[in-house]
Amino acid sequence: MRRADRLFRIIQILRRRRTPVTANDIADELETSLRTIYRDIAQLLADRVPIRGEAGIGYVLEQGFDMPPLMLTPDEVEAAILGAQWVSHRADAALSRAADDLIAKIAAVIPDHLRPLLTEPVLQSPNWYKVQPDSCDMVRMRASIHAQTKVWMRYKNEKGEVNERVIWPIAVSYFETVRVIVGWCEYRMAFRNFRTDRVQEAQFLSDRYPTPRYRLIAQWKKEMKRDRDLHRERMMAHRERATSPR
């Protein structure tokens, strides 16, 4: 790896972390020696890159530092294109257009030696399965999530039963053929998942939900982990019973 590329990668590693990153961690990721990392950090400091820290403790990149956008590595270009392909095929119309625009913007600014990554991509995201259409306005749903406002819905469950719900939407999960709205349901008093193709009607309310979204996300993740752990324990107990001598 050229030194210029390595210096850029070090900055990227520091940018993605808010806590100090040790020279050992950087050396492991870049597959180089500790001495080389110390020399590179010294060079970045000499170039006035605002890095705080010291050997043995770790390094932090101060907020406010930025580099020209889209100084992308080949791997980053391929990751962006692959992700944009996936979104273009499976998201709502607005996000699909945004993904196509993203590819066009990358194509407009990347250097010539990276252009074959767009014109002759090695990685593909084929769309072999029928994607279920959204039956509610996902642009407004995402806006409601950002604004942390409630949504009234008429929803048909997997049994075909239709009922009314008021939810606090906190996220949208994208799967291969369906999208799922994650939200706190006032009717069930619990987190529930709602497939976007089963929403019969949606009204986007101006009422903000009382609990900040970041707290709801943390609570939801905690419950998801608990449910996964419980499921794993049950599966292990089932296997033990199935294999134990009678």
Protein backbone atom coordinates (compact mmCIF):
# COMPACT_ATOMS: atom_id res chain seq x y z
CA MET A 1 0.00 0.00 0.00
CA ARG A 2 1.33 3.44 -0.93
CA ARG A 3 2.04 5.74 1.99
CA ALA A 4 -0.47 8.33 0.73
CA ASP A 5 -3.17 5.66 0.67
CA ARG A 6 -2.18 4.50 4.13
CA LEU A 7 -2.38 8.04 5.55
CA PHE A 8 -5.85 8.41 4.05
CA ARG A 9 -6.92 5.08 5.56
CA ILE A 10 -5.66 6.10 9.00
CA ILE A 11 -7.79 9.24 8.85
CA GLN A 12 -10.78 7.13 7.82
CA ILE A 13 -10.26 4.74 10.73
CA LEU A 14 -10.14 7.66 13.17
CA ARG A 15 -13.20 9.31 11.59
CA ARG A 16 -15.38 6.25 12.12
CA ARG A 17 -14.64 6.01 15.85
CA ARG A 18 -15.51 8.44 18.64
CA THR A 19 -13.32 6.71 21.21
CA PRO A 20 -9.51 6.57 21.08
CA VAL A 21 -8.05 4.09 18.60
CA THR A 22 -4.75 2.51 19.54
CA ALA A 23 -1.84 2.26 17.13
CA ASN A 24 -2.02 -1.52 17.51
CA ASP A 25 -5.63 -1.54 16.25
CA ILE A 26 -4.67 0.64 13.28
CA ALA A 27 -1.66 -1.54 12.48
CA ASP A 28 -3.80 -4.69 12.62
CA GLU A 29 -6.41 -3.27 10.26
CA LEU A 30 -3.84 -1.99 7.77
CA GLU A 31 -1.67 -5.08 8.16
CA THR A 32 1.49 -3.10 8.76
CA SER A 33 3.98 -2.59 11.57
CA LEU A 34 3.48 -0.53 14.71
CA ARG A 35 6.58 1.52 13.86
CA THR A 36 5.07 2.43 10.49
CA ILE A 37 1.86 3.63 12.15
CA TYR A 38 3.81 5.83 14.58
CA ARG A 39 5.70 7.37 11.66
CA ASP A 40 2.46 7.94 9.76
CA ILE A 41 0.76 9.57 12.76
CA ALA A 42 3.79 11.87 13.12
CA GLN A 43 3.49 12.78 9.44
CA LEU A 44 -0.23 13.56 9.78
CA LEU A 45 0.49 15.76 12.79
CA ALA A 46 3.19 17.56 10.80
CA ASP A 47 0.61 18.10 8.05
CA ARG A 48 -1.64 19.79 10.67
CA VAL A 49 -4.24 17.04 10.79
CA PRO A 50 -5.93 17.61 14.21
CA ILE A 51 -5.20 14.30 15.90
CA ARG A 52 -5.12 14.10 19.70
CA GLY A 53 -3.57 11.31 21.75
CA GLU A 54 -0.31 9.54 22.28
CA ALA A 55 1.37 6.17 21.95
CA GLY A 56 0.00 3.55 24.32
CA ILE A 57 -3.31 5.36 24.89
CA GLY A 58 -4.87 5.93 21.51
CA TYR A 59 -5.68 8.61 18.98
CA VAL A 60 -8.80 10.68 18.27
CA LEU A 61 -9.54 12.87 15.27
CA GLU A 62 -10.95 16.19 16.44
CA GLN A 63 -14.39 17.19 15.22
CA GLY A 64 -14.63 19.64 12.38
CA PHE A 65 -11.83 18.14 10.31
CA ASP A 66 -12.85 17.15 6.83
CA MET A 67 -11.35 16.18 3.54
CA PRO A 68 -12.57 16.72 -0.01
CA PRO A 69 -15.61 14.49 -0.52
CA LEU A 70 -15.54 11.33 -2.60
CA MET A 71 -11.85 10.63 -2.20
CA LEU A 72 -12.91 7.02 -2.44
CA THR A 73 -10.88 3.84 -2.51
CA PRO A 74 -11.82 1.13 -5.04
CA ASP A 75 -13.45 -0.93 -2.27
CA GLU A 76 -15.50 2.08 -1.17
CA VAL A 77 -16.67 2.71 -4.72
CA GLU A 78 -17.74 -0.91 -5.11
CA ALA A 79 -19.50 -0.86 -1.73
CA ALA A 80 -21.39 2.32 -2.64
CA ILE A 81 -22.42 1.00 -6.06
CA LEU A 82 -23.52 -2.37 -4.70
CA GLY A 83 -25.57 -0.72 -1.97
CA ALA A 84 -27.11 1.74 -4.40
CA GLN A 85 -28.06 -1.12 -6.75
CA TRP A 86 -29.82 -2.92 -3.90
CA VAL A 87 -31.73 0.19 -2.86
CA SER A 88 -32.63 1.04 -6.46
CA HIS A 89 -34.27 -2.38 -6.92
CA ARG A 90 -36.04 -2.72 -3.57
CA ALA A 91 -36.86 0.66 -2.03
CA ASP A 92 -39.71 3.07 -2.65
CA ALA A 93 -39.65 5.34 -5.70
CA ALA A 94 -38.04 8.30 -3.93
CA LEU A 95 -35.20 6.26 -2.45
CA SER A 96 -34.76 4.40 -5.74
CA ARG A 97 -34.27 7.70 -7.57
CA ALA A 98 -31.87 8.85 -4.85
CA ALA A 99 -29.81 5.67 -5.33
CA ASP A 100 -29.63 6.26 -9.09
CA ASP A 101 -28.63 9.88 -8.46
CA LEU A 102 -25.92 8.72 -6.07
CA ILE A 103 -24.41 6.49 -8.75
CA ALA A 104 -24.51 9.37 -11.25
CA LYS A 105 -22.80 11.73 -8.78
CA ILE A 106 -20.05 9.21 -8.07
CA ALA A 107 -19.56 8.68 -11.81
CA ALA A 108 -19.19 12.43 -12.31
CA VAL A 109 -16.32 12.91 -9.88
CA ILE A 110 -14.27 9.73 -9.58
CA PRO A 111 -10.94 9.60 -11.45
CA ASP A 112 -10.66 7.75 -14.74
CA HIS A 113 -8.80 4.76 -13.30
CA LEU A 114 -11.81 3.99 -11.04
CA ARG A 115 -14.46 4.48 -13.72
CA PRO A 116 -14.50 0.79 -14.83
CA LEU A 117 -15.86 -0.04 -11.37
CA LEU A 118 -19.07 1.70 -12.49
CA THR A 119 -19.16 0.88 -16.19
CA GLU A 120 -18.09 -2.76 -15.74
CA PRO A 121 -19.07 -3.61 -12.14
CA VAL A 122 -17.79 -6.89 -10.75
CA LEU A 123 -20.41 -6.97 -7.97
CA GLN A 124 -24.10 -7.30 -8.78
CA SER A 125 -27.32 -7.14 -6.77
CA PRO A 126 -29.82 -9.07 -8.92
CA ASN A 127 -33.52 -8.63 -8.31
CA TRP A 128 -34.84 -12.14 -8.86
CA TYR A 129 -37.84 -12.02 -6.53
CA LYS A 130 -41.03 -10.00 -6.78
CA VAL A 131 -40.87 -7.08 -4.39
CA GLN A 132 -44.17 -6.41 -2.64
CA PRO A 133 -45.34 -2.84 -3.32
CA ASP A 134 -45.77 -0.38 -0.47
CA SER A 135 -49.40 0.50 0.19
CA CYS A 136 -48.59 3.63 2.19
CA ASP A 137 -46.59 6.77 1.47
CA MET A 138 -43.07 5.80 2.55
CA VAL A 139 -41.71 9.29 1.93
CA ARG A 140 -44.10 10.63 4.55
CA MET A 141 -43.43 7.63 6.79
CA ARG A 142 -39.71 8.36 6.81
CA ALA A 143 -40.49 12.03 7.46
CA SER A 144 -42.65 11.01 10.40
CA ILE A 145 -39.80 8.92 11.81
CA HIS A 146 -37.41 11.85 11.52
CA ALA A 147 -39.96 14.21 13.11
CA GLN A 148 -40.84 11.60 15.80
CA THR A 149 -44.58 11.98 15.19
CA LYS A 150 -47.37 9.44 15.52
CA VAL A 151 -49.09 7.60 12.67
CA TRP A 152 -52.64 6.26 12.62
CA MET A 153 -53.03 3.13 10.52
CA ARG A 154 -55.65 0.69 9.40
CA TYR A 155 -53.66 -2.53 9.19
CA LYS A 156 -54.38 -6.07 7.97
CA ASN A 157 -52.44 -8.74 9.86
CA GLU A 158 -51.24 -12.12 8.59
CA LYS A 159 -54.65 -13.66 9.44
CA GLY A 160 -56.44 -11.14 7.25
CA GLU A 161 -57.91 -9.28 10.25
CA VAL A 162 -58.11 -5.51 9.87
CA ASN A 163 -57.81 -3.21 12.87
CA GLU A 164 -56.79 0.33 13.67
CA ARG A 165 -53.53 1.26 15.35
CA VAL A 166 -51.69 4.36 16.46
CA ILE A 167 -47.95 3.75 16.34
CA TRP A 168 -44.75 5.60 17.11
CA PRO A 169 -42.62 4.68 14.06
CA ILE A 170 -38.90 4.44 14.81
CA ALA A 171 -37.35 2.59 11.85
CA VAL A 172 -37.96 0.84 8.54
CA SER A 173 -36.34 -2.54 7.94
CA TYR A 174 -35.64 -3.52 4.33
CA PHE A 175 -35.76 -7.21 3.44
CA GLU A 176 -35.43 -8.97 0.11
CA THR A 177 -39.08 -8.63 -0.93
CA VAL A 178 -40.82 -6.62 1.81
CA ARG A 179 -40.35 -3.56 3.99
CA VAL A 180 -41.29 -3.52 7.67
CA ILE A 181 -42.14 -0.48 9.80
CA VAL A 182 -40.88 -0.87 13.36
CA GLY A 183 -42.91 1.05 15.90
CA TRP A 184 -44.33 1.21 19.39
CA CYS A 185 -48.02 0.27 19.17
CA GLU A 186 -50.32 2.15 21.53
CA TYR A 187 -52.96 -0.60 21.14
CA ARG A 188 -50.61 -3.45 22.08
CA MET A 189 -48.42 -1.35 24.38
CA ALA A 190 -45.38 -3.01 22.85
CA PHE A 191 -43.08 -2.88 19.85
CA ARG A 192 -44.57 -4.37 16.72
CA ASN A 193 -43.54 -4.83 13.09
CA PHE A 194 -45.88 -3.74 10.30
CA ARG A 195 -45.38 -4.82 6.71
CA THR A 196 -45.76 -1.86 4.38
CA ASP A 197 -47.82 -3.87 1.87
CA ARG A 198 -50.44 -4.65 4.54
CA VAL A 199 -51.16 -1.05 5.54
CA GLN A 200 -54.71 -0.36 4.34
CA GLU A 201 -54.66 3.34 5.21
CA ALA A 202 -52.31 5.71 6.99
CA GLN A 203 -52.77 9.18 8.44
CA PHE A 204 -49.69 11.08 9.52
CA LEU A 205 -50.42 12.94 12.73
CA SER A 206 -48.76 16.08 14.05
CA ASP A 207 -48.56 14.73 17.62
CA ARG A 208 -45.01 13.97 18.70
CA TYR A 209 -44.56 10.77 20.66
CA PRO A 210 -43.44 11.39 24.24
CA THR A 211 -40.31 9.21 24.36
CA PRO A 212 -37.28 10.28 22.29
CA ARG A 213 -36.63 8.02 19.35
CA TYR A 214 -33.09 7.15 20.41
CA ARG A 215 -34.44 5.73 23.67
CA LEU A 216 -37.08 3.72 21.85
CA ILE A 217 -34.41 2.36 19.49
CA ALA A 218 -32.25 1.33 22.45
CA GLN A 219 -35.20 -0.36 24.16
CA TRP A 220 -36.22 -2.14 20.96
CA LYS A 221 -32.68 -3.46 20.40
CA LYS A 222 -32.54 -4.65 24.00
CA GLU A 223 -35.80 -6.56 23.60
CA MET A 224 -34.67 -8.01 20.27
CA LYS A 225 -31.47 -9.29 21.89
CA ARG A 226 -33.44 -10.77 24.78
CA ASP A 227 -35.80 -12.55 22.38
CA ARG A 228 -32.87 -13.91 20.32
CA ASP A 229 -31.11 -15.16 23.44
CA LEU A 230 -34.31 -16.81 24.68
CA HIS A 231 -34.87 -18.47 21.30
CA ARG A 232 -31.28 -19.72 21.28
CA GLU A 233 -31.66 -21.18 24.76
CA ARG A 234 -34.88 -22.96 23.78
CA MET A 235 -33.26 -24.41 20.66
CA MET A 236 -30.29 -25.67 22.68
CA ALA A 237 -32.62 -27.23 25.26
CA HIS A 238 -34.60 -28.89 22.47
CA ARG A 239 -31.44 -30.36 20.93
CA GLU A 240 -30.29 -31.66 24.30
CA ARG A 241 -33.62 -33.39 24.88
CA ALA A 242 -33.56 -34.84 21.37
CA THR A 243 -30.04 -36.26 21.73
CA SER A 244 -30.13 -37.37 25.38
CA PRO A 245 -30.45 -41.16 26.00
CA ARG A 246 -33.93 -42.27 26.99
